[in-house]
Amino acid sequence: MTYPSPAADERVFVVELAEFSGPLDLLLTLIREQEIDITDIPIAQIADQFIAAIHQLGLNQAADYLDMAARLLRIKVQMLLPRRVDDEEWEDPRAELVRRLLEYEQIREVVGWLVERATLRADRWARGWIPEGPERPAAPILLDLPALLHAVDDVLRGMPQQVLHRVVGRPLDVEGATRRIEALLADRAVFDLREAFGAAPTVADVISALIAILELARVGRVHLIQPTPFSPVNVNRGSVEQAA
């Protein structure tokens, strides 16, 4: 495992990291990486690696890690002290550390199993959810008869009123308009379109004159000319060839 190397001036108090949760966790990780038998720990090797790791992680002010480093150094020194071969009362100085590591490893396995079961349960069963109850209806509005009649009157006044239009049919006099136009053409070859409507024309007179002029233009007896845009429209007498 590669340990991140902080800057020289970065020394923060760290008790729990994302990689390790305390000195026992760091120590157990080093043992597993080296594939070392936990009951036969080479203290010299592990102590050196542990001290190097806490320096690289910037843990010089973390009391727990420093305390574990001191324990490892003390065990290392005890392992180096000479002892008699027939000393049956000698106790391995690593025994207490091994016991704590085994307990911690068991706790980690139980925690991992609980996390796995919790994840499995979350994937299988959704959390309980109770929908919110419906909103309570508003209190009823109490109206007396005059207030009710006033409200109805306001509603009726706001309704659109139906407007009826009486359509009166007006007969068209297309034949009379045709005779009037022919009389104008007999008098001169060109005349203003408005002259075909007659004096004080009604709507029926204008429509009759327009229908008559369009019919005469269709058969070639007249043709309409507007010299410039928006200027009066002139009615010109058609030639004999056009009429034919």
C-alpha atoms as a PDB file:
ATOM      1  CA  MET A   1       0.000   0.000   0.000  1.00  0.00           C
ATOM      2  CA  THR A   2       1.267   3.475  -0.845  1.00  0.00           C
ATOM      3  CA  TYR A   3       0.778   6.059   1.861  1.00  0.00           C
ATOM      4  CA  PRO A   4       0.266   9.713   0.818  1.00  0.00           C
ATOM      5  CA  SER A   5       3.087  12.024   1.822  1.00  0.00           C
ATOM      6  CA  PRO A   6       1.832  15.358   3.175  1.00  0.00           C
ATOM      7  CA  ALA A   7       3.712  18.625   2.857  1.00  0.00           C
ATOM      8  CA  ALA A   8       6.457  19.306   5.391  1.00  0.00           C
ATOM      9  CA  ASP A   9       4.460  22.061   7.113  1.00  0.00           C
ATOM     10  CA  GLU A  10       1.174  20.114   7.274  1.00  0.00           C
ATOM     11  CA  ARG A  11       0.808  18.445  10.662  1.00  0.00           C
ATOM     12  CA  VAL A  12      -2.840  18.069  11.644  1.00  0.00           C
ATOM     13  CA  PHE A  13      -4.483  16.165  14.468  1.00  0.00           C
ATOM     14  CA  VAL A  14      -6.028  13.107  12.814  1.00  0.00           C
ATOM     15  CA  VAL A  15      -7.668  10.372  14.835  1.00  0.00           C
ATOM     16  CA  GLU A  16      -9.706   8.632  12.139  1.00  0.00           C
ATOM     17  CA  LEU A  17      -8.910   8.525   8.444  1.00  0.00           C
ATOM     18  CA  ALA A  18     -10.757   7.224   5.422  1.00  0.00           C
ATOM     19  CA  GLU A  19      -8.175   4.401   5.131  1.00  0.00           C
ATOM     20  CA  PHE A  20      -7.764   3.555   8.824  1.00  0.00           C
ATOM     21  CA  SER A  21      -9.927   3.776  11.940  1.00  0.00           C
ATOM     22  CA  GLY A  22      -7.330   3.983  14.668  1.00  0.00           C
ATOM     23  CA  PRO A  23      -3.877   2.492  15.265  1.00  0.00           C
ATOM     24  CA  LEU A  24      -5.096  -1.105  15.529  1.00  0.00           C
ATOM     25  CA  ASP A  25      -6.635  -0.829  12.079  1.00  0.00           C
ATOM     26  CA  LEU A  26      -3.375   0.502  10.610  1.00  0.00           C
ATOM     27  CA  LEU A  27      -1.387  -2.217  12.352  1.00  0.00           C
ATOM     28  CA  LEU A  28      -3.753  -4.962  11.178  1.00  0.00           C
ATOM     29  CA  THR A  29      -3.549  -3.616   7.618  1.00  0.00           C
ATOM     30  CA  LEU A  30       0.240  -3.787   7.646  1.00  0.00           C
ATOM     31  CA  ILE A  31       0.128  -7.366   8.941  1.00  0.00           C
ATOM     32  CA  ARG A  32      -2.328  -8.450   6.246  1.00  0.00           C
ATOM     33  CA  GLU A  33      -0.316  -6.788   3.481  1.00  0.00           C
ATOM     34  CA  GLN A  34       2.813  -8.661   4.542  1.00  0.00           C
ATOM     35  CA  GLU A  35       0.791 -11.900   4.872  1.00  0.00           C
ATOM     36  CA  ILE A  36       2.191 -12.371   8.350  1.00  0.00           C
ATOM     37  CA  ASP A  37       0.829 -14.838  10.875  1.00  0.00           C
ATOM     38  CA  ILE A  38      -0.885 -12.679  13.463  1.00  0.00           C
ATOM     39  CA  THR A  39       0.272 -14.991  16.274  1.00  0.00           C
ATOM     40  CA  ASP A  40       3.920 -14.729  15.213  1.00  0.00           C
ATOM     41  CA  ILE A  41       4.437 -11.039  14.435  1.00  0.00           C
ATOM     42  CA  PRO A  42       7.961  -9.912  13.496  1.00  0.00           C
ATOM     43  CA  ILE A  43       7.894  -6.901  15.798  1.00  0.00           C
ATOM     44  CA  ALA A  44      11.046  -5.288  14.408  1.00  0.00           C
ATOM     45  CA  GLN A  45       9.707  -5.228  10.862  1.00  0.00           C
ATOM     46  CA  ILE A  46       6.163  -4.171  11.787  1.00  0.00           C
ATOM     47  CA  ALA A  47       7.358  -1.489  14.232  1.00  0.00           C
ATOM     48  CA  ASP A  48       9.538   0.143  11.579  1.00  0.00           C
ATOM     49  CA  GLN A  49       6.709   0.074   9.030  1.00  0.00           C
ATOM     50  CA  PHE A  50       4.211   1.463  11.548  1.00  0.00           C
ATOM     51  CA  ILE A  51       6.461   4.390  12.501  1.00  0.00           C
ATOM     52  CA  ALA A  52       7.128   5.142   8.836  1.00  0.00           C
ATOM     53  CA  ALA A  53       3.392   5.053   8.112  1.00  0.00           C
ATOM     54  CA  ILE A  54       2.408   7.504  10.858  1.00  0.00           C
ATOM     55  CA  HIS A  55       5.123   9.908   9.668  1.00  0.00           C
ATOM     56  CA  GLN A  56       3.882   9.680   6.073  1.00  0.00           C
ATOM     57  CA  LEU A  57       0.266  10.188   7.146  1.00  0.00           C
ATOM     58  CA  GLY A  58       1.119  13.231   9.245  1.00  0.00           C
ATOM     59  CA  LEU A  59       0.015  11.623  12.525  1.00  0.00           C
ATOM     60  CA  ASN A  60       2.792  13.010  14.718  1.00  0.00           C
ATOM     61  CA  GLN A  61       0.235  14.706  16.983  1.00  0.00           C
ATOM     62  CA  ALA A  62      -2.225  11.785  17.257  1.00  0.00           C
ATOM     63  CA  ALA A  63      -1.791  10.351  20.739  1.00  0.00           C
ATOM     64  CA  ASP A  64      -3.348   6.957  19.919  1.00  0.00           C
ATOM     65  CA  TYR A  65      -0.908   6.301  17.067  1.00  0.00           C
ATOM     66  CA  LEU A  66       2.072   7.508  19.065  1.00  0.00           C
ATOM     67  CA  ASP A  67       1.042   5.313  21.994  1.00  0.00           C
ATOM     68  CA  MET A  68       0.884   2.265  19.713  1.00  0.00           C
ATOM     69  CA  ALA A  69       4.285   3.150  18.248  1.00  0.00           C
ATOM     70  CA  ALA A  70       5.727   3.302  21.783  1.00  0.00           C
ATOM     71  CA  ARG A  71       4.183  -0.105  22.592  1.00  0.00           C
ATOM     72  CA  LEU A  72       5.745  -1.618  19.475  1.00  0.00           C
ATOM     73  CA  LEU A  73       9.135  -0.173  20.324  1.00  0.00           C
ATOM     74  CA  ARG A  74       8.892  -1.508  23.884  1.00  0.00           C
ATOM     75  CA  ILE A  75       7.957  -4.972  22.583  1.00  0.00           C
ATOM     76  CA  LYS A  76      10.814  -4.736  20.103  1.00  0.00           C
ATOM     77  CA  VAL A  77      13.253  -3.994  22.914  1.00  0.00           C
ATOM     78  CA  GLN A  78      11.836  -6.814  25.068  1.00  0.00           C
ATOM     79  CA  MET A  79      12.249  -9.248  22.182  1.00  0.00           C
ATOM     80  CA  LEU A  80      15.910  -8.232  21.862  1.00  0.00           C
ATOM     81  CA  LEU A  81      16.704  -8.766  25.561  1.00  0.00           C
ATOM     82  CA  PRO A  82      18.496 -12.038  26.271  1.00  0.00           C
ATOM     83  CA  ARG A  83      16.651 -14.704  28.257  1.00  0.00           C
ATOM     84  CA  ARG A  84      17.561 -18.063  29.693  1.00  0.00           C
ATOM     85  CA  VAL A  85      16.643 -21.088  27.660  1.00  0.00           C
ATOM     86  CA  ASP A  86      15.115 -22.952  30.615  1.00  0.00           C
ATOM     87  CA  ASP A  87      13.098 -19.923  31.771  1.00  0.00           C
ATOM     88  CA  GLU A  88       9.573 -21.330  31.897  1.00  0.00           C
ATOM     89  CA  GLU A  89       8.091 -18.173  33.433  1.00  0.00           C
ATOM     90  CA  TRP A  90       9.002 -16.030  30.403  1.00  0.00           C
ATOM     91  CA  GLU A  91       5.932 -14.561  28.715  1.00  0.00           C
ATOM     92  CA  ASP A  92       5.929 -13.518  25.123  1.00  0.00           C
ATOM     93  CA  PRO A  93       5.632  -9.674  25.118  1.00  0.00           C
ATOM     94  CA  ARG A  94       3.600  -9.921  21.929  1.00  0.00           C
ATOM     95  CA  ALA A  95       0.761 -11.837  23.614  1.00  0.00           C
ATOM     96  CA  GLU A  96      -1.256  -8.789  24.717  1.00  0.00           C
ATOM     97  CA  LEU A  97      -0.907  -7.148  21.294  1.00  0.00           C
ATOM     98  CA  VAL A  98      -1.936 -10.372  19.531  1.00  0.00           C
ATOM     99  CA  ARG A  99      -4.997 -10.667  21.768  1.00  0.00           C
ATOM    100  CA  ARG A 100      -6.087  -7.105  20.998  1.00  0.00           C
ATOM    101  CA  LEU A 101      -5.526  -7.612  17.269  1.00  0.00           C
ATOM    102  CA  LEU A 102      -7.609 -10.809  17.226  1.00  0.00           C
ATOM    103  CA  GLU A 103     -10.443  -9.099  19.099  1.00  0.00           C
ATOM    104  CA  TYR A 104     -10.299  -6.136  16.762  1.00  0.00           C
ATOM    105  CA  GLU A 105     -10.320  -8.422  13.712  1.00  0.00           C
ATOM    106  CA  GLN A 106     -13.406 -10.200  15.029  1.00  0.00           C
ATOM    107  CA  ILE A 107     -15.131  -6.869  15.618  1.00  0.00           C
ATOM    108  CA  ARG A 108     -14.326  -5.768  12.054  1.00  0.00           C
ATOM    109  CA  GLU A 109     -15.776  -8.992  10.671  1.00  0.00           C
ATOM    110  CA  VAL A 110     -18.985  -8.510  12.693  1.00  0.00           C
ATOM    111  CA  VAL A 111     -19.270  -4.873  11.566  1.00  0.00           C
ATOM    112  CA  GLY A 112     -18.751  -5.893   7.944  1.00  0.00           C
ATOM    113  CA  TRP A 113     -21.427  -8.581   8.268  1.00  0.00           C
ATOM    114  CA  LEU A 114     -23.885  -6.087   9.803  1.00  0.00           C
ATOM    115  CA  VAL A 115     -23.223  -3.552   7.026  1.00  0.00           C
ATOM    116  CA  GLU A 116     -23.732  -6.254   4.404  1.00  0.00           C
ATOM    117  CA  ARG A 117     -27.015  -7.364   5.988  1.00  0.00           C
ATOM    118  CA  ALA A 118     -28.218  -3.780   6.255  1.00  0.00           C
ATOM    119  CA  THR A 119     -27.432  -3.174   2.587  1.00  0.00           C
ATOM    120  CA  LEU A 120     -29.197  -6.392   1.595  1.00  0.00           C
ATOM    121  CA  ARG A 121     -32.232  -5.446   3.660  1.00  0.00           C
ATOM    122  CA  ALA A 122     -32.326  -1.970   2.122  1.00  0.00           C
ATOM    123  CA  ASP A 123     -32.267  -3.507  -1.372  1.00  0.00           C
ATOM    124  CA  ARG A 124     -35.100  -5.937  -0.599  1.00  0.00           C
ATOM    125  CA  TRP A 125     -37.520  -3.909   1.497  1.00  0.00           C
ATOM    126  CA  ALA A 126     -38.251  -0.247   1.051  1.00  0.00           C
ATOM    127  CA  ARG A 127     -38.674   2.022   4.002  1.00  0.00           C
ATOM    128  CA  GLY A 128     -42.160   2.529   5.299  1.00  0.00           C
ATOM    129  CA  TRP A 129     -43.982   5.550   3.940  1.00  0.00           C
ATOM    130  CA  ILE A 130     -47.290   6.885   5.085  1.00  0.00           C
ATOM    131  CA  PRO A 131     -48.950   9.306   2.678  1.00  0.00           C
ATOM    132  CA  GLU A 132     -50.214  12.553   4.038  1.00  0.00           C
ATOM    133  CA  GLY A 133     -53.891  12.676   4.770  1.00  0.00           C
ATOM    134  CA  PRO A 134     -56.250  14.651   2.581  1.00  0.00           C
ATOM    135  CA  GLU A 135     -56.750  18.289   3.341  1.00  0.00           C
ATOM    136  CA  ARG A 136     -59.675  19.081   5.532  1.00  0.00           C
ATOM    137  CA  PRO A 137     -62.562  20.660   3.642  1.00  0.00           C
ATOM    138  CA  ALA A 138     -63.179  24.321   4.180  1.00  0.00           C
ATOM    139  CA  ALA A 139     -65.906  25.390   6.523  1.00  0.00           C
ATOM    140  CA  PRO A 140     -69.280  25.743   4.807  1.00  0.00           C
ATOM    141  CA  ILE A 141     -70.422  29.237   3.863  1.00  0.00           C
ATOM    142  CA  LEU A 142     -73.728  30.192   5.424  1.00  0.00           C
ATOM    143  CA  LEU A 143     -75.880  32.576   3.382  1.00  0.00           C
ATOM    144  CA  ASP A 144     -79.276  33.981   4.057  1.00  0.00           C
ATOM    145  CA  LEU A 145     -81.843  34.418   1.310  1.00  0.00           C
ATOM    146  CA  PRO A 146     -81.059  38.093   0.448  1.00  0.00           C
ATOM    147  CA  ALA A 147     -77.331  37.346   0.182  1.00  0.00           C
ATOM    148  CA  LEU A 148     -78.026  34.306  -2.013  1.00  0.00           C
ATOM    149  CA  LEU A 149     -80.266  36.351  -4.346  1.00  0.00           C
ATOM    150  CA  HIS A 150     -77.606  39.054  -4.552  1.00  0.00           C
ATOM    151  CA  ALA A 151     -74.969  36.487  -5.487  1.00  0.00           C
ATOM    152  CA  VAL A 152     -77.212  35.003  -8.188  1.00  0.00           C
ATOM    153  CA  ASP A 153     -77.841  38.479  -9.563  1.00  0.00           C
ATOM    154  CA  ASP A 154     -74.090  39.153  -9.782  1.00  0.00           C
ATOM    155  CA  VAL A 155     -73.595  35.894 -11.680  1.00  0.00           C
ATOM    156  CA  LEU A 156     -76.376  36.686 -14.136  1.00  0.00           C
ATOM    157  CA  ARG A 157     -74.996  40.153 -14.778  1.00  0.00           C
ATOM    158  CA  GLY A 158     -71.576  38.714 -15.552  1.00  0.00           C
ATOM    159  CA  MET A 159     -72.928  36.287 -18.157  1.00  0.00           C
ATOM    160  CA  PRO A 160     -72.590  37.453 -21.782  1.00  0.00           C
ATOM    161  CA  GLN A 161     -75.810  38.670 -23.302  1.00  0.00           C
ATOM    162  CA  GLN A 162     -77.041  37.050 -26.490  1.00  0.00           C
ATOM    163  CA  VAL A 163     -77.129  39.532 -29.350  1.00  0.00           C
ATOM    164  CA  LEU A 164     -79.567  38.822 -32.159  1.00  0.00           C
ATOM    165  CA  HIS A 165     -79.120  40.384 -35.574  1.00  0.00           C
ATOM    166  CA  ARG A 166     -81.959  40.498 -38.025  1.00  0.00           C
ATOM    167  CA  VAL A 167     -80.841  39.791 -41.544  1.00  0.00           C
ATOM    168  CA  VAL A 168     -83.036  41.452 -44.159  1.00  0.00           C
ATOM    169  CA  GLY A 169     -82.572  40.313 -47.704  1.00  0.00           C
ATOM    170  CA  ARG A 170     -82.052  43.078 -50.262  1.00  0.00           C
ATOM    171  CA  PRO A 171     -82.798  42.240 -53.905  1.00  0.00           C
ATOM    172  CA  LEU A 172     -80.023  43.002 -56.370  1.00  0.00           C
ATOM    173  CA  ASP A 173     -80.709  44.777 -59.641  1.00  0.00           C
ATOM    174  CA  VAL A 174     -77.910  43.457 -61.848  1.00  0.00           C
ATOM    175  CA  GLU A 175     -79.904  44.048 -65.061  1.00  0.00           C
ATOM    176  CA  GLY A 176     -80.556  47.703 -64.172  1.00  0.00           C
ATOM    177  CA  ALA A 177     -76.862  48.181 -63.338  1.00  0.00           C
ATOM    178  CA  THR A 178     -75.910  46.599 -66.676  1.00  0.00           C
ATOM    179  CA  ARG A 179     -78.158  48.998 -68.564  1.00  0.00           C
ATOM    180  CA  ARG A 180     -76.665  51.953 -66.668  1.00  0.00           C
ATOM    181  CA  ILE A 181     -73.125  50.849 -67.539  1.00  0.00           C
ATOM    182  CA  GLU A 182     -74.004  50.316 -71.202  1.00  0.00           C
ATOM    183  CA  ALA A 183     -75.477  53.786 -71.325  1.00  0.00           C
ATOM    184  CA  LEU A 184     -72.232  55.231 -69.950  1.00  0.00           C
ATOM    185  CA  LEU A 185     -70.211  53.253 -72.512  1.00  0.00           C
ATOM    186  CA  ALA A 186     -72.417  54.499 -75.331  1.00  0.00           C
ATOM    187  CA  ASP A 187     -71.804  58.079 -74.208  1.00  0.00           C
ATOM    188  CA  ARG A 188     -67.965  57.797 -73.818  1.00  0.00           C
ATOM    189  CA  ALA A 189     -65.260  55.148 -74.123  1.00  0.00           C
ATOM    190  CA  VAL A 190     -63.799  55.596 -70.605  1.00  0.00           C
ATOM    191  CA  PHE A 191     -65.459  56.490 -67.319  1.00  0.00           C
ATOM    192  CA  ASP A 192     -64.727  56.255 -63.611  1.00  0.00           C
ATOM    193  CA  LEU A 193     -65.848  53.070 -61.879  1.00  0.00           C
ATOM    194  CA  ARG A 194     -67.676  55.103 -59.226  1.00  0.00           C
ATOM    195  CA  GLU A 195     -69.986  56.549 -61.880  1.00  0.00           C
ATOM    196  CA  ALA A 196     -71.421  53.060 -62.421  1.00  0.00           C
ATOM    197  CA  PHE A 197     -72.881  53.075 -58.893  1.00  0.00           C
ATOM    198  CA  GLY A 198     -75.243  55.950 -59.636  1.00  0.00           C
ATOM    199  CA  ALA A 199     -76.171  58.888 -57.438  1.00  0.00           C
ATOM    200  CA  ALA A 200     -76.529  58.119 -53.682  1.00  0.00           C
ATOM    201  CA  PRO A 201     -76.024  54.369 -54.143  1.00  0.00           C
ATOM    202  CA  THR A 202     -77.076  51.819 -51.569  1.00  0.00           C
ATOM    203  CA  VAL A 203     -75.185  48.665 -50.691  1.00  0.00           C
ATOM    204  CA  ALA A 204     -77.380  46.717 -53.086  1.00  0.00           C
ATOM    205  CA  ASP A 205     -76.666  49.247 -55.868  1.00  0.00           C
ATOM    206  CA  VAL A 206     -72.865  48.935 -55.379  1.00  0.00           C
ATOM    207  CA  ILE A 207     -72.964  45.117 -55.340  1.00  0.00           C
ATOM    208  CA  SER A 208     -75.223  45.046 -58.412  1.00  0.00           C
ATOM    209  CA  ALA A 209     -72.875  47.388 -60.317  1.00  0.00           C
ATOM    210  CA  LEU A 210     -69.786  45.350 -59.419  1.00  0.00           C
ATOM    211  CA  ILE A 211     -71.423  42.102 -60.534  1.00  0.00           C
ATOM    212  CA  ALA A 212     -72.511  43.724 -63.786  1.00  0.00           C
ATOM    213  CA  ILE A 213     -69.008  45.112 -64.516  1.00  0.00           C
ATOM    214  CA  LEU A 214     -67.361  41.757 -63.774  1.00  0.00           C
ATOM    215  CA  GLU A 215     -69.761  39.984 -66.086  1.00  0.00           C
ATOM    216  CA  LEU A 216     -69.150  42.524 -68.878  1.00  0.00           C
ATOM    217  CA  ALA A 217     -65.407  42.174 -68.357  1.00  0.00           C
ATOM    218  CA  ARG A 218     -65.719  38.402 -68.554  1.00  0.00           C
ATOM    219  CA  VAL A 219     -67.324  38.584 -72.010  1.00  0.00           C
ATOM    220  CA  GLY A 220     -64.852  41.236 -73.170  1.00  0.00           C
ATOM    221  CA  ARG A 221     -67.213  44.165 -73.487  1.00  0.00           C
ATOM    222  CA  VAL A 222     -65.237  46.207 -70.926  1.00  0.00           C
ATOM    223  CA  HIS A 223     -61.843  46.047 -69.297  1.00  0.00           C
ATOM    224  CA  LEU A 224     -60.668  47.697 -66.083  1.00  0.00           C
ATOM    225  CA  ILE A 225     -57.532  49.816 -65.856  1.00  0.00           C
ATOM    226  CA  GLN A 226     -55.865  51.454 -62.837  1.00  0.00           C
ATOM    227  CA  PRO A 227     -53.126  53.779 -64.130  1.00  0.00           C
ATOM    228  CA  THR A 228     -51.192  54.050 -60.850  1.00  0.00           C
ATOM    229  CA  PRO A 229     -51.420  52.381 -57.467  1.00  0.00           C
ATOM    230  CA  PHE A 230     -54.296  53.703 -55.341  1.00  0.00           C
ATOM    231  CA  SER A 231     -55.650  55.761 -58.232  1.00  0.00           C
ATOM    232  CA  PRO A 232     -59.298  55.534 -59.404  1.00  0.00           C
ATOM    233  CA  VAL A 233     -60.209  52.486 -61.500  1.00  0.00           C
ATOM    234  CA  ASN A 234     -61.326  53.315 -65.020  1.00  0.00           C
ATOM    235  CA  VAL A 235     -63.780  51.268 -67.041  1.00  0.00           C
ATOM    236  CA  ASN A 236     -62.797  51.150 -70.715  1.00  0.00           C
ATOM    237  CA  ARG A 237     -65.027  50.139 -73.573  1.00  0.00           C
ATOM    238  CA  GLY A 238     -63.963  46.827 -75.052  1.00  0.00           C
ATOM    239  CA  SER A 239     -63.195  46.384 -78.741  1.00  0.00           C
ATOM    240  CA  VAL A 240     -65.343  44.388 -81.088  1.00  0.00           C
ATOM    241  CA  GLU A 241     -62.647  41.704 -81.393  1.00  0.00           C
ATOM    242  CA  GLN A 242     -62.501  41.285 -77.606  1.00  0.00           C
ATOM    243  CA  ALA A 243     -66.276  41.008 -77.417  1.00  0.00           C
ATOM    244  CA  ALA A 244     -66.226  38.369 -80.142  1.00  0.00           C
END
